[in-house]
Amino acid sequence: MEMTRRPLPIGAIGTGLAIAGVITYTLVPDKLWLVTLLEGLALVSLIWAFAIHFERLKTFTSQRSTRMGANSALMVALFLGILAIVNFLAARHSIRWDFSENQNYTLAPETYRVLRNLTRDISITVFTREKDPGYQAYKERFDSYRQASSKLTVQFIDPERQPKVAQNYGITRTDIAIFESGPQSVRITSPAEVEITGALVRVSKDTKKRVVFLEGHGERSLDDTDRGGLTLTKEVLQKQGYDIGTLTLLQESAVPEKTDVLIIAGPRRALTKEEKERIQAYVVKGGHVLVMVDPDTQSNMDDLLKTWGLELGPGVLVDLQDRLAQGDLTALLVRTFTDHEITHELTAAVLFPLARHLTFQEESGKEWDYVPLARTSPRSWAETDMKGRVVSYTEKEDVQGPLALAAALTPKQAPEEGKPRPAVVVVGNSAFASNGFINFVGNSDFFQRTVGWLSEERDLISLTPKDPAVRPFTPNPLQERILLYVQVILLPAMTILCGLLVWRKRRRL
């Protein structure tokens, strides 16, 4: 008698593969690729078996005698097996979808580039509690980062439950994340993408970029905590991983070689000829300078700026369109930017209080590439007479807009191989970067991008913070009255009326 081999049921194969995957994960949890392969094959097999035997199972289970029998149990078991495998795979290879309006949980391309280029492991310790506002935000954000890079390890520490750990790190508040890699350590206080990515860039480098502020001419001070000072500005730069210092050129024969960016923040008194020569020598050698000059100052920067083809225009900028609502005409809220690395994807307006404009002279600046970074609107002008209360455009005396109030310059000729390329940024206002205005989103973004471009921190230049799509409704007095009438009178009255109608109808029945 000839015996025929019956093929092993596909369902049994799937069940065996599923069990094998569980056993493998129990014995060697590190080999997730093997576990994933086994469970994936099991899932395919079980779905195949279900599809093949669906009609048969449907027929059997529809019969009265078997409706509550083994076939029903088999079908339930098959479903449960598929669901268990899907859940197992999803837990270890999760896929996230971001349906928020501004894609707040989707990492920027610049962040992905930074994560791909990480060469060493980075440890991140987040000090927060589950009840703290930042806990969930940190968790969601770091889940996205860990999915994109295996170089990151993240642990959450509750300072109340582990006070010794918090004490060792000097933690005095919650919602703080500390990044550590080698000798570098950076801490942030916000789960914003720009903060996290900036911290990753900083701790992954062995050295810090040095930013130096010029002193000795009445410039805005790093130690001044008033609105006109730069203490908050200093903190912003330090959070970005810059090494901050000061420089008195009258006491130095040259700008130090290790200076990556030299900032001249609103000098009130004139620079000497020797100082300007030293600044120019620094630029010629490949230096990077940010000059911020306010109206009505005696800084005597004209001859230095002229070497780069720039001139400071007379008067104070006035704008009827791009300004603060109900504010001073000289408080410019600039929204017009030229496409440049600094201004690329810059969406927030920048507030420049009391600014002056710049002009570029082709003849004296023929060796430089000139880009006007920010401009006023067509309804603007440079007012030369600010003594009267009424400000109006005078054709013969004032300068009609639009006018540039910030510009970037680079040499047309590329530097020799191995030598840095000089770069200069001039802004006709310094208050925008002071304590009183640096917390404006546009101001902080523009200032950080400028310093990032000058310091050649390309990874952070185009990373723009994402504003949450929150639009609170603030009613005016008329809207408040309407809401009051609707909520207090109309809706209750309609409810009572509907109740009376229902009661009357039921009474007639």
Protein backbone atom coordinates (compact mmCIF):
# COMPACT_ATOMS: atom_id res chain seq x y z
CA MET A 1 0.00 0.00 0.00
CA GLU A 2 1.50 3.27 -1.10
CA MET A 3 1.62 5.96 1.55
CA THR A 4 1.45 9.63 0.63
CA ARG A 5 3.20 12.30 2.67
CA ARG A 6 0.96 15.03 3.88
CA PRO A 7 2.62 18.43 3.86
CA LEU A 8 3.07 20.12 7.21
CA PRO A 9 0.18 22.56 7.74
CA ILE A 10 1.23 26.16 7.15
CA GLY A 11 -0.51 27.14 10.39
CA ALA A 12 1.66 24.73 12.36
CA ILE A 13 4.76 26.16 10.70
CA GLY A 14 3.70 29.70 11.67
CA THR A 15 3.00 28.64 15.25
CA GLY A 16 6.40 26.94 15.46
CA LEU A 17 8.16 30.02 14.11
CA ALA A 18 6.35 32.26 16.60
CA ILE A 19 7.35 30.03 19.52
CA ALA A 20 10.92 29.90 18.21
CA GLY A 21 11.01 33.71 18.07
CA VAL A 22 9.84 34.00 21.69
CA ILE A 23 12.42 31.44 22.84
CA THR A 24 15.18 33.22 20.91
CA TYR A 25 14.26 36.55 22.43
CA THR A 26 14.32 34.99 25.91
CA LEU A 27 17.75 33.38 25.43
CA VAL A 28 19.53 36.02 23.29
CA PRO A 29 17.65 39.34 23.56
CA ASP A 30 20.46 41.22 21.84
CA LYS A 31 19.87 39.47 18.52
CA LEU A 32 16.75 41.42 17.63
CA TRP A 33 17.35 40.90 13.92
CA LEU A 34 16.89 37.12 14.32
CA VAL A 35 13.83 37.56 16.54
CA THR A 36 12.33 39.98 14.04
CA LEU A 37 12.98 37.56 11.17
CA LEU A 38 11.36 34.61 12.98
CA GLU A 39 8.34 36.59 14.12
CA GLY A 40 7.94 38.16 10.68
CA LEU A 41 7.93 34.74 9.00
CA ALA A 42 5.47 33.52 11.64
CA LEU A 43 3.16 36.41 10.93
CA VAL A 44 3.25 35.79 7.19
CA SER A 45 2.59 32.07 7.72
CA LEU A 46 -0.37 32.60 10.05
CA ILE A 47 -1.95 35.19 7.77
CA TRP A 48 -1.46 32.80 4.83
CA ALA A 49 -3.06 29.95 6.78
CA PHE A 50 -5.96 32.13 7.76
CA ALA A 51 -6.50 33.18 4.14
CA ILE A 52 -6.33 29.56 2.87
CA HIS A 53 -8.71 28.10 5.43
CA PHE A 54 -11.00 31.09 5.83
CA GLU A 55 -13.95 29.61 3.94
CA ARG A 56 -13.59 26.26 5.67
CA LEU A 57 -13.39 27.88 9.05
CA LYS A 58 -16.36 30.05 8.18
CA THR A 59 -18.42 26.99 7.14
CA PHE A 60 -17.56 24.99 10.20
CA THR A 61 -18.10 27.78 12.62
CA SER A 62 -21.49 28.54 11.08
CA GLN A 63 -22.76 25.07 11.96
CA ARG A 64 -24.70 24.76 15.15
CA SER A 65 -22.72 21.75 16.31
CA THR A 66 -19.38 23.42 15.98
CA ARG A 67 -20.25 27.04 16.65
CA MET A 68 -18.99 26.82 20.18
CA GLY A 69 -16.48 24.09 19.52
CA ALA A 70 -12.89 23.62 18.55
CA ASN A 71 -13.04 25.47 15.27
CA SER A 72 -14.19 28.64 16.97
CA ALA A 73 -11.42 28.31 19.48
CA LEU A 74 -8.96 27.77 16.62
CA MET A 75 -10.12 30.90 14.86
CA VAL A 76 -9.84 32.93 18.05
CA ALA A 77 -6.39 31.51 18.72
CA LEU A 78 -5.32 32.36 15.18
CA PHE A 79 -6.51 35.94 15.60
CA LEU A 80 -4.80 36.26 18.98
CA GLY A 81 -1.56 34.86 17.56
CA ILE A 82 -1.56 37.40 14.74
CA LEU A 83 -2.32 40.26 17.11
CA ALA A 84 0.39 39.13 19.54
CA ILE A 85 3.04 39.03 16.82
CA VAL A 86 2.01 42.39 15.38
CA ASN A 87 2.17 43.92 18.87
CA PHE A 88 5.59 42.36 19.48
CA LEU A 89 7.03 43.71 16.24
CA ALA A 90 5.44 47.13 16.69
CA ALA A 91 6.85 47.51 20.19
CA ARG A 92 10.40 46.99 18.95
CA HIS A 93 10.16 48.61 15.55
CA SER A 94 7.65 51.38 16.11
CA ILE A 95 6.63 53.80 13.38
CA ARG A 96 5.49 57.30 14.31
CA TRP A 97 3.22 59.62 12.36
CA ASP A 98 3.16 63.34 13.01
CA PHE A 99 -0.25 64.90 12.33
CA SER A 100 0.44 68.18 14.16
CA GLU A 101 -0.13 71.33 12.10
CA ASN A 102 3.48 72.54 12.24
CA GLN A 103 5.02 69.04 12.27
CA ASN A 104 6.30 69.71 15.77
CA TYR A 105 7.34 66.09 16.31
CA THR A 106 9.13 65.63 12.97
CA LEU A 107 12.85 66.30 13.07
CA ALA A 108 14.31 68.84 10.67
CA PRO A 109 16.65 67.69 7.85
CA GLU A 110 19.49 69.54 9.61
CA THR A 111 18.90 67.42 12.72
CA TYR A 112 18.97 64.18 10.73
CA ARG A 113 22.28 65.31 9.18
CA VAL A 114 23.73 65.96 12.62
CA LEU A 115 22.56 62.55 13.89
CA ARG A 116 24.04 60.74 10.88
CA ASN A 117 27.40 62.44 11.40
CA LEU A 118 27.73 61.59 15.10
CA THR A 119 31.00 59.73 15.62
CA ARG A 120 30.82 59.01 19.34
CA ASP A 121 28.29 57.98 21.94
CA ILE A 122 26.38 60.69 23.80
CA SER A 123 24.74 60.15 27.15
CA ILE A 124 21.67 62.24 27.98
CA THR A 125 20.30 62.54 31.52
CA VAL A 126 16.93 64.22 31.93
CA PHE A 127 16.03 65.45 35.41
CA THR A 128 12.25 65.62 35.54
CA ARG A 129 9.22 64.10 37.21
CA GLU A 130 6.23 62.50 35.55
CA LYS A 131 4.01 65.25 36.91
CA ASP A 132 6.27 68.03 35.56
CA PRO A 133 5.16 69.86 32.40
CA GLY A 134 8.33 68.99 30.49
CA TYR A 135 8.30 65.25 31.12
CA GLN A 136 6.10 64.19 28.22
CA ALA A 137 7.66 66.76 25.87
CA TYR A 138 11.17 65.46 26.60
CA LYS A 139 10.02 61.85 26.23
CA GLU A 140 8.31 62.43 22.88
CA ARG A 141 11.26 64.42 21.54
CA PHE A 142 13.96 61.98 22.60
CA ASP A 143 11.97 59.04 21.20
CA SER A 144 12.31 60.69 17.79
CA TYR A 145 16.04 61.25 18.27
CA ARG A 146 16.73 57.69 19.43
CA GLN A 147 14.89 56.26 16.46
CA ALA A 148 17.25 58.18 14.18
CA SER A 149 20.54 57.35 15.92
CA SER A 150 21.94 54.49 17.98
CA LYS A 151 24.63 56.80 19.42
CA LEU A 152 22.23 58.25 21.98
CA THR A 153 21.39 56.83 25.39
CA VAL A 154 18.69 58.60 27.40
CA GLN A 155 17.75 58.11 31.04
CA PHE A 156 15.12 59.94 33.09
CA ILE A 157 15.92 60.78 36.71
CA ASP A 158 13.38 61.89 39.29
CA PRO A 159 15.30 64.26 41.59
CA GLU A 160 12.96 63.47 44.49
CA ARG A 161 13.53 59.72 44.25
CA GLN A 162 17.25 59.97 43.45
CA PRO A 163 18.43 63.10 45.27
CA LYS A 164 22.09 62.03 45.38
CA VAL A 165 22.29 61.83 41.60
CA ALA A 166 20.68 65.26 41.28
CA GLN A 167 23.09 66.64 43.88
CA ASN A 168 26.11 65.27 42.03
CA TYR A 169 25.00 67.12 38.87
CA GLY A 170 24.20 70.31 40.77
CA ILE A 171 20.50 70.17 39.86
CA THR A 172 18.40 72.79 41.65
CA ARG A 173 15.30 72.60 39.41
CA THR A 174 13.54 70.06 37.19
CA ASP A 175 13.06 69.80 33.43
CA ILE A 176 16.82 69.96 32.76
CA ALA A 177 18.65 67.69 30.32
CA ILE A 178 22.42 67.16 30.53
CA PHE A 179 24.38 65.96 27.50
CA GLU A 180 27.74 64.24 28.11
CA SER A 181 30.36 62.95 25.71
CA GLY A 182 34.04 62.72 26.58
CA PRO A 183 35.19 65.95 28.22
CA GLN A 184 32.20 67.96 27.00
CA SER A 185 29.07 68.58 29.01
CA VAL A 186 26.12 70.77 28.01
CA ARG A 187 22.79 71.33 29.74
CA ILE A 188 19.53 72.61 28.31
CA THR A 189 16.29 73.71 29.93
CA SER A 190 13.90 73.21 27.02
CA PRO A 191 12.94 70.17 24.90
CA ALA A 192 12.92 72.34 21.76
CA GLU A 193 14.58 70.75 18.75
CA VAL A 194 16.97 73.65 18.23
CA GLU A 195 18.18 73.28 21.83
CA ILE A 196 18.65 69.50 21.64
CA THR A 197 20.36 69.50 18.25
CA GLY A 198 22.58 72.38 19.30
CA ALA A 199 23.62 70.45 22.40
CA LEU A 200 24.44 67.38 20.29
CA VAL A 201 26.64 69.47 17.99
CA ARG A 202 28.46 71.04 20.91
CA VAL A 203 29.20 67.91 22.92
CA SER A 204 30.35 66.03 19.84
CA LYS A 205 33.25 68.47 19.38
CA ASP A 206 36.43 68.63 21.43
CA THR A 207 36.80 72.42 21.17
CA LYS A 208 34.45 75.40 21.39
CA LYS A 209 34.18 78.35 19.06
CA ARG A 210 35.38 81.54 20.73
CA VAL A 211 33.29 84.71 20.42
CA VAL A 212 34.92 87.93 21.63
CA PHE A 213 33.18 91.25 22.37
CA LEU A 214 35.11 94.49 21.89
CA GLU A 215 35.30 96.82 24.92
CA GLY A 216 36.52 100.31 25.69
CA HIS A 217 34.20 102.51 23.61
CA GLY A 218 30.95 102.45 25.55
CA GLU A 219 29.76 99.22 23.92
CA ARG A 220 26.92 97.19 25.40
CA SER A 221 28.34 95.18 28.28
CA LEU A 222 28.17 91.44 28.92
CA ASP A 223 27.89 92.18 32.65
CA ASP A 224 25.01 94.66 32.33
CA THR A 225 21.71 93.10 33.47
CA ASP A 226 19.56 96.08 32.42
CA ARG A 227 17.51 96.13 29.22
CA GLY A 228 20.42 97.62 27.31
CA GLY A 229 22.96 95.06 28.52
CA LEU A 230 24.05 91.73 27.04
CA THR A 231 23.84 89.26 29.92
CA LEU A 232 20.94 87.35 28.33
CA THR A 233 22.69 87.50 24.98
CA LYS A 234 25.76 85.98 26.59
CA GLU A 235 23.62 83.16 28.01
CA VAL A 236 22.09 82.50 24.57
CA LEU A 237 25.54 82.11 23.06
CA GLN A 238 26.81 79.97 25.92
CA LYS A 239 23.84 77.64 25.51
CA GLN A 240 24.90 77.27 21.90
CA GLY A 241 28.31 76.10 23.12
CA TYR A 242 30.37 79.22 22.41
CA ASP A 243 33.27 80.32 24.56
CA ILE A 244 32.59 84.00 25.36
CA GLY A 245 35.26 86.59 26.09
CA THR A 246 36.08 90.30 25.88
CA LEU A 247 38.84 92.25 24.17
CA THR A 248 40.39 95.69 24.68
CA LEU A 249 42.33 96.43 21.51
CA LEU A 250 44.10 99.40 23.09
CA GLN A 251 45.90 96.88 25.30
CA GLU A 252 46.49 94.30 22.57
CA SER A 253 48.70 94.54 19.52
CA ALA A 254 46.28 92.42 17.48
CA VAL A 255 43.07 90.45 17.68
CA PRO A 256 43.98 87.05 19.26
CA GLU A 257 44.41 84.27 16.70
CA LYS A 258 41.96 81.95 18.45
CA THR A 259 39.11 84.45 17.97
CA ASP A 260 36.45 82.90 15.76
CA VAL A 261 34.07 85.87 15.83
CA LEU A 262 34.70 89.48 16.89
CA ILE A 263 31.56 91.40 17.87
CA ILE A 264 31.44 95.19 18.07
CA ALA A 265 28.15 95.86 19.88
CA GLY A 266 27.08 99.49 19.63
CA PRO A 267 30.18 101.59 20.36
CA ARG A 268 29.37 105.09 21.64
CA ARG A 269 32.86 106.56 21.39
CA ALA A 270 35.32 106.64 18.54
CA LEU A 271 37.71 103.80 17.84
CA THR A 272 41.32 104.84 17.36
CA LYS A 273 43.12 104.51 14.06
CA GLU A 274 45.30 101.74 15.50
CA GLU A 275 42.27 99.75 16.67
CA LYS A 276 40.59 99.92 13.28
CA GLU A 277 43.83 98.87 11.59
CA ARG A 278 44.03 95.84 13.89
CA ILE A 279 40.42 94.90 13.11
CA GLN A 280 41.08 95.20 9.38
CA ALA A 281 44.24 93.08 9.72
CA TYR A 282 42.18 90.44 11.52
CA VAL A 283 39.65 90.39 8.67
CA VAL A 284 42.36 90.17 6.00
CA LYS A 285 43.78 87.08 7.72
CA GLY A 286 40.39 85.37 7.48
CA GLY A 287 38.64 86.85 10.51
CA HIS A 288 34.89 87.14 11.05
CA VAL A 289 33.39 90.37 12.38
CA LEU A 290 29.89 91.43 13.44
CA VAL A 291 29.52 95.21 13.61
CA MET A 292 26.37 96.74 15.15
CA VAL A 293 26.21 100.54 14.93
CA ASP A 294 23.37 102.70 16.28
CA PRO A 295 22.21 106.11 15.03
CA ASP A 296 23.53 109.29 16.63
CA THR A 297 26.77 107.78 17.91
CA GLN A 298 30.35 108.99 17.61
CA SER A 299 31.90 105.62 16.83
CA ASN A 300 33.82 106.92 13.82
CA MET A 301 33.49 103.61 11.95
CA ASP A 302 33.10 105.16 8.51
CA ASP A 303 36.64 104.60 7.23
CA LEU A 304 36.69 100.99 8.45
CA LEU A 305 33.34 100.21 6.82
CA LYS A 306 34.47 101.94 3.63
CA THR A 307 37.22 99.33 3.18
CA TRP A 308 34.40 96.82 2.74
CA GLY A 309 32.37 99.10 0.45
CA LEU A 310 29.80 100.08 3.10
CA GLU A 311 28.53 103.46 4.24
CA LEU A 312 26.23 104.33 7.12
CA GLY A 313 23.25 106.35 5.94
CA PRO A 314 22.08 109.51 7.71
CA GLY A 315 19.05 109.81 9.95
CA VAL A 316 16.80 107.23 11.60
CA LEU A 317 14.70 104.66 9.76
CA VAL A 318 10.94 105.20 9.80
CA ASP A 319 8.44 102.66 8.49
CA LEU A 320 4.69 103.11 8.17
CA GLN A 321 4.12 99.43 7.34
CA ASP A 322 6.67 97.15 9.01
CA ARG A 323 6.55 98.38 12.59
CA LEU A 324 5.00 97.55 15.92
CA ALA A 325 1.26 98.10 15.96
CA GLN A 326 0.37 101.27 17.84
CA GLY A 327 4.05 101.72 18.45
CA ASP A 328 6.79 104.16 17.56
CA LEU A 329 7.37 104.60 13.84
CA THR A 330 11.07 103.93 14.49
CA ALA A 331 10.40 100.53 16.13
CA LEU A 332 10.84 98.51 12.95
CA LEU A 333 9.37 95.02 12.70
CA VAL A 334 11.30 93.85 9.65
CA ARG A 335 9.84 91.01 7.56
CA THR A 336 11.71 91.44 4.26
CA PHE A 337 14.84 89.30 3.96
CA THR A 338 17.19 88.43 1.11
CA ASP A 339 17.85 84.72 0.58
CA HIS A 340 21.10 83.92 2.37
CA GLU A 341 22.41 81.23 4.71
CA ILE A 342 21.60 83.52 7.63
CA THR A 343 18.06 84.34 6.54
CA HIS A 344 17.15 81.04 4.85
CA GLU A 345 13.74 79.91 6.18
CA LEU A 346 13.74 82.79 8.66
CA THR A 347 10.01 83.26 9.19
CA ALA A 348 9.71 85.41 12.31
CA ALA A 349 9.98 89.19 12.04
CA VAL A 350 12.95 90.92 13.65
CA LEU A 351 12.42 93.96 15.85
CA PHE A 352 14.99 96.72 15.26
CA PRO A 353 14.33 99.71 17.55
CA LEU A 354 15.89 102.97 16.31
CA ALA A 355 17.99 101.77 13.36
CA ARG A 356 19.98 103.36 10.56
CA HIS A 357 20.42 102.17 7.00
CA LEU A 358 23.40 100.96 5.00
CA THR A 359 24.52 101.61 1.44
CA PHE A 360 27.01 99.71 -0.67
CA GLN A 361 29.48 101.43 -2.96
CA GLU A 362 30.47 99.29 -5.91
CA GLU A 363 33.73 101.13 -6.50
CA SER A 364 35.21 100.83 -3.01
CA GLY A 365 33.66 97.41 -2.44
CA LYS A 366 34.50 95.81 -5.79
CA GLU A 367 36.38 92.98 -4.07
CA TRP A 368 33.40 92.03 -1.92
CA ASP A 369 30.15 90.16 -2.46
CA TYR A 370 27.40 92.21 -0.86
CA VAL A 371 24.06 90.76 0.34
CA PRO A 372 21.48 93.05 2.02
CA LEU A 373 20.10 90.69 4.64
CA ALA A 374 17.14 92.79 5.85
CA ARG A 375 15.21 95.67 4.29
CA THR A 376 12.47 98.05 5.27
CA SER A 377 9.16 98.21 3.38
CA PRO A 378 8.44 100.53 0.41
CA ARG A 379 6.54 102.77 2.85
CA SER A 380 9.71 103.67 4.74
CA TRP A 381 12.37 106.34 4.69
CA ALA A 382 15.40 107.63 6.56
CA GLU A 383 14.19 110.57 8.63
CA THR A 384 16.89 113.23 9.02
CA ASP A 385 14.90 115.51 11.32
CA MET A 386 13.59 113.81 14.47
CA LYS A 387 13.23 117.00 16.53
CA GLY A 388 9.55 117.60 15.78
CA ARG A 389 6.66 115.49 17.09
CA VAL A 390 5.21 114.98 13.62
CA VAL A 391 7.39 112.85 11.40
CA SER A 392 6.81 113.12 7.66
CA TYR A 393 8.76 112.36 4.52
CA THR A 394 10.61 115.31 2.99
CA GLU A 395 11.79 114.54 -0.53
CA LYS A 396 14.82 116.84 -0.55
CA GLU A 397 16.10 115.90 2.92
CA ASP A 398 15.04 112.30 3.61
CA VAL A 399 15.97 109.05 1.85
CA GLN A 400 13.08 107.02 0.41
CA GLY A 401 12.87 103.29 1.19
CA PRO A 402 13.07 100.37 0.95
CA LEU A 403 16.45 100.55 2.64
CA ALA A 404 18.88 97.90 3.88
CA LEU A 405 19.68 97.88 7.60
CA ALA A 406 21.74 94.66 7.73
CA ALA A 407 24.25 93.28 5.25
CA ALA A 408 26.68 90.37 4.85
CA LEU A 409 29.97 90.55 2.95
CA THR A 410 32.44 87.94 1.74
CA PRO A 411 35.41 88.33 -0.63
CA LYS A 412 34.75 87.55 -4.29
CA GLN A 413 38.09 85.80 -4.57
CA ALA A 414 38.33 82.49 -2.79
CA PRO A 415 41.11 82.26 -0.18
CA GLU A 416 44.17 80.11 -0.60
CA GLU A 417 43.75 76.43 0.21
CA GLY A 418 43.79 75.80 3.94
CA LYS A 419 43.16 79.45 4.88
CA PRO A 420 39.87 80.75 6.34
CA ARG A 421 37.59 82.98 4.31
CA PRO A 422 36.90 86.44 5.77
CA ALA A 423 33.29 87.38 6.52
CA VAL A 424 31.66 90.56 7.76
CA VAL A 425 28.10 91.34 8.91
CA VAL A 426 27.04 94.93 9.61
CA VAL A 427 23.73 95.84 11.30
CA GLY A 428 22.47 99.40 11.70
CA ASN A 429 21.22 98.69 15.22
CA SER A 430 22.58 96.98 18.34
CA ALA A 431 19.53 97.07 20.62
CA PHE A 432 17.91 94.12 18.82
CA ALA A 433 20.50 91.83 20.45
CA SER A 434 20.24 93.36 23.94
CA ASN A 435 18.52 91.97 27.04
CA GLY A 436 15.33 93.85 26.27
CA PHE A 437 14.82 92.30 22.83
CA ILE A 438 16.87 89.09 22.52
CA ASN A 439 13.95 87.00 23.81
CA PHE A 440 11.90 87.93 20.75
CA VAL A 441 11.85 84.81 18.55
CA GLY A 442 12.92 86.66 15.41
CA ASN A 443 15.67 88.60 17.17
CA SER A 444 17.17 85.55 18.86
CA ASP A 445 16.95 83.51 15.66
CA PHE A 446 18.53 86.22 13.51
CA PHE A 447 21.34 86.87 16.00
CA GLN A 448 22.15 83.19 16.50
CA ARG A 449 22.12 82.54 12.77
CA THR A 450 24.45 85.49 12.20
CA VAL A 451 26.96 84.29 14.79
CA GLY A 452 26.60 80.72 13.50
CA TRP A 453 27.36 81.80 9.95
CA LEU A 454 30.34 83.89 11.01
CA SER A 455 31.71 81.07 13.19
CA GLU A 456 31.09 78.57 10.39
CA GLU A 457 28.74 76.48 12.54
CA ARG A 458 26.88 75.29 9.47
CA ASP A 459 24.93 72.61 11.35
CA LEU A 460 23.04 75.21 13.39
CA ILE A 461 22.53 78.03 10.91
CA SER A 462 19.41 76.77 9.17
CA LEU A 463 17.81 75.03 12.15
CA THR A 464 14.79 77.15 12.91
CA PRO A 465 12.78 76.70 16.07
CA LYS A 466 9.20 75.54 15.43
CA ASP A 467 6.47 77.53 17.03
CA PRO A 468 3.59 75.44 18.38
CA ALA A 469 0.39 75.96 16.46
CA VAL A 470 -1.43 77.52 19.39
CA ARG A 471 -3.72 80.41 18.57
CA PRO A 472 -5.41 81.64 21.74
CA PHE A 473 -8.67 83.53 21.28
CA THR A 474 -8.77 86.86 23.07
CA PRO A 475 -12.23 88.39 22.64
CA ASN A 476 -12.80 92.10 22.40
CA PRO A 477 -15.58 93.76 24.49
CA LEU A 478 -18.24 93.19 21.80
CA GLN A 479 -17.31 89.51 21.47
CA GLU A 480 -17.38 89.12 25.25
CA ARG A 481 -20.97 90.43 25.37
CA ILE A 482 -22.02 88.10 22.55
CA LEU A 483 -20.48 85.10 24.32
CA LEU A 484 -22.22 86.12 27.55
CA TYR A 485 -25.63 86.36 25.89
CA VAL A 486 -25.17 83.05 24.05
CA GLN A 487 -23.88 81.06 27.02
CA VAL A 488 -25.94 82.58 29.83
CA ILE A 489 -29.24 83.41 28.09
CA LEU A 490 -29.66 81.82 24.67
CA LEU A 491 -28.45 78.25 25.32
CA PRO A 492 -30.30 77.80 28.66
CA ALA A 493 -33.46 79.27 27.09
CA MET A 494 -33.28 76.84 24.16
CA THR A 495 -32.77 73.94 26.58
CA ILE A 496 -35.84 74.94 28.63
CA LEU A 497 -37.92 75.42 25.48
CA CYS A 498 -36.99 71.99 24.13
CA GLY A 499 -37.86 70.44 27.49
CA LEU A 500 -41.28 72.12 27.51
CA LEU A 501 -42.03 70.94 23.98
CA VAL A 502 -41.10 67.36 24.83
CA TRP A 503 -43.16 67.47 28.03
CA ARG A 504 -46.19 68.85 26.18
CA LYS A 505 -45.95 66.22 23.46
CA ARG A 506 -45.77 63.36 25.96
CA ARG A 507 -48.72 64.76 27.89
CA ARG A 508 -50.92 64.55 24.80
CA LEU A 509 -50.10 60.88 24.27
